[in-house]
């Protein structure tokens, strides 16, 4: 997901707010807008679709396919022979994937 509107809004707002020096304001606004676009502030961490790199308009089949692909990649049983650090990371990622999938299922039941 490649968002751009945060940069644009930040650029405009920064230039308008720092009228004595609009170039400096535009630069600051652009940086803040980029931070929002890249989710540095984690405002959209409640979006379970981001785990699967999908949007909320994705079909159930697309969600199931993305879930199966990711869980087969990060399932802890597949990492049984790996180092402890890799196994822990895989368990953590698998937990995130399962939590996101459960959250999507609950949202779709409503």
Protein backbone atom coordinates (compact mmCIF):
# COMPACT_ATOMS: atom_id res chain seq x y z
CA UNK A 1 0.00 0.00 0.00
CA UNK A 2 1.61 3.18 -1.20
CA UNK A 3 -0.11 6.20 0.31
CA UNK A 4 0.72 9.73 -0.77
CA UNK A 5 -2.01 11.98 0.58
CA UNK A 6 -0.32 12.52 3.95
CA UNK A 7 2.67 14.05 2.22
CA UNK A 8 0.47 16.33 0.13
CA UNK A 9 -1.64 17.49 3.06
CA UNK A 10 1.45 17.95 5.22
CA UNK A 11 3.14 19.99 2.53
CA UNK A 12 0.17 22.32 2.14
CA UNK A 13 -0.54 22.63 5.87
CA UNK A 14 3.12 23.25 6.69
CA UNK A 15 3.44 25.96 4.06
CA UNK A 16 0.29 27.69 5.33
CA UNK A 17 1.15 27.42 9.01
CA UNK A 18 4.72 28.74 8.64
CA UNK A 19 3.92 31.75 6.50
CA UNK A 20 7.07 33.72 7.38
CA UNK A 21 9.11 30.88 5.89
CA UNK A 22 6.82 28.67 3.75
CA UNK A 23 9.66 26.53 2.37
CA UNK A 24 10.68 25.48 5.86
CA UNK A 25 7.06 24.84 6.80
CA UNK A 26 6.46 22.82 3.67
CA UNK A 27 9.52 20.69 4.41
CA UNK A 28 8.42 20.03 7.99
CA UNK A 29 4.88 19.24 6.80
CA UNK A 30 6.22 16.89 4.16
CA UNK A 31 8.25 14.99 6.75
CA UNK A 32 5.28 14.69 9.11
CA UNK A 33 3.03 13.63 6.22
CA UNK A 34 5.55 10.97 5.21
CA UNK A 35 5.59 9.69 8.79
CA UNK A 36 1.81 9.32 8.74
CA UNK A 37 1.88 7.62 5.34
CA UNK A 38 4.43 5.10 6.59
CA UNK A 39 2.50 4.49 9.85
CA UNK A 40 5.34 5.60 12.06
CA UNK A 41 2.74 6.69 14.59
CA UNK A 42 0.93 3.32 14.39
CA UNK A 43 -2.49 4.89 13.97
CA UNK A 44 -3.68 2.00 11.83
CA UNK A 45 -2.35 -0.87 13.93
CA UNK A 46 -5.94 -1.89 14.56
CA UNK A 47 -6.28 -2.68 10.87
CA UNK A 48 -5.96 -6.48 10.61
CA UNK A 49 -5.88 -6.34 6.82
CA UNK A 50 -2.39 -4.80 6.92
CA UNK A 51 -0.96 -8.09 8.19
CA UNK A 52 -2.05 -9.72 4.92
CA UNK A 53 -1.21 -6.65 2.80
CA UNK A 54 -4.86 -6.43 1.71
CA UNK A 55 -7.58 -3.83 1.85
CA UNK A 56 -10.95 -4.16 3.53
CA UNK A 57 -12.52 -4.67 0.09
CA UNK A 58 -10.69 -7.99 -0.34
CA UNK A 59 -12.87 -11.05 -0.87
CA UNK A 60 -13.04 -13.93 1.57
CA UNK A 61 -11.13 -16.12 -0.88
CA UNK A 62 -8.29 -13.58 -1.08
CA UNK A 63 -8.12 -13.35 2.70
CA UNK A 64 -8.08 -17.13 3.08
CA UNK A 65 -5.37 -17.45 0.45
CA UNK A 66 -3.20 -14.79 2.09
CA UNK A 67 -3.74 -16.41 5.50
CA UNK A 68 -2.73 -19.86 4.24
CA UNK A 69 0.34 -18.48 2.47
CA UNK A 70 1.58 -16.56 5.50
CA UNK A 71 0.78 -19.18 8.12
CA UNK A 72 2.53 -21.88 6.07
CA UNK A 73 5.57 -19.63 5.90
CA UNK A 74 5.67 -18.71 9.61
CA UNK A 75 4.16 -21.75 11.30
CA UNK A 76 6.29 -22.73 14.32
CA UNK A 77 6.26 -26.42 13.33
CA UNK A 78 8.11 -25.56 10.13
CA UNK A 79 10.79 -23.85 12.21
CA UNK A 80 11.41 -26.79 14.56
CA UNK A 81 15.02 -27.23 13.39
CA UNK A 82 15.84 -23.53 13.31
CA UNK A 83 17.66 -21.47 15.89
CA UNK A 84 15.80 -20.36 19.01
CA UNK A 85 15.65 -16.72 17.89
CA UNK A 86 14.11 -17.61 14.54
CA UNK A 87 11.63 -19.96 16.18
CA UNK A 88 10.53 -17.26 18.64
CA UNK A 89 10.14 -14.74 15.83
CA UNK A 90 8.10 -17.24 13.82
CA UNK A 91 5.86 -17.94 16.83
CA UNK A 92 5.31 -14.22 17.34
CA UNK A 93 4.52 -13.64 13.65
CA UNK A 94 2.19 -16.67 13.56
CA UNK A 95 0.36 -15.26 16.59
CA UNK A 96 -0.06 -11.91 14.81
CA UNK A 97 -1.34 -13.67 11.69
CA UNK A 98 -3.84 -15.75 13.65
CA UNK A 99 -5.04 -12.74 15.65
CA UNK A 100 -5.53 -10.70 12.47
CA UNK A 101 -7.39 -13.54 10.77
CA UNK A 102 -9.68 -14.00 13.79
CA UNK A 103 -10.33 -10.26 13.91
CA UNK A 104 -11.24 -10.19 10.22
CA UNK A 105 -13.59 -13.13 10.69
CA UNK A 106 -15.33 -11.31 13.57
CA UNK A 107 -15.62 -8.12 11.53
CA UNK A 108 -17.06 -9.99 8.57
CA UNK A 109 -19.71 -11.78 10.70
CA UNK A 110 -21.29 -8.47 11.69
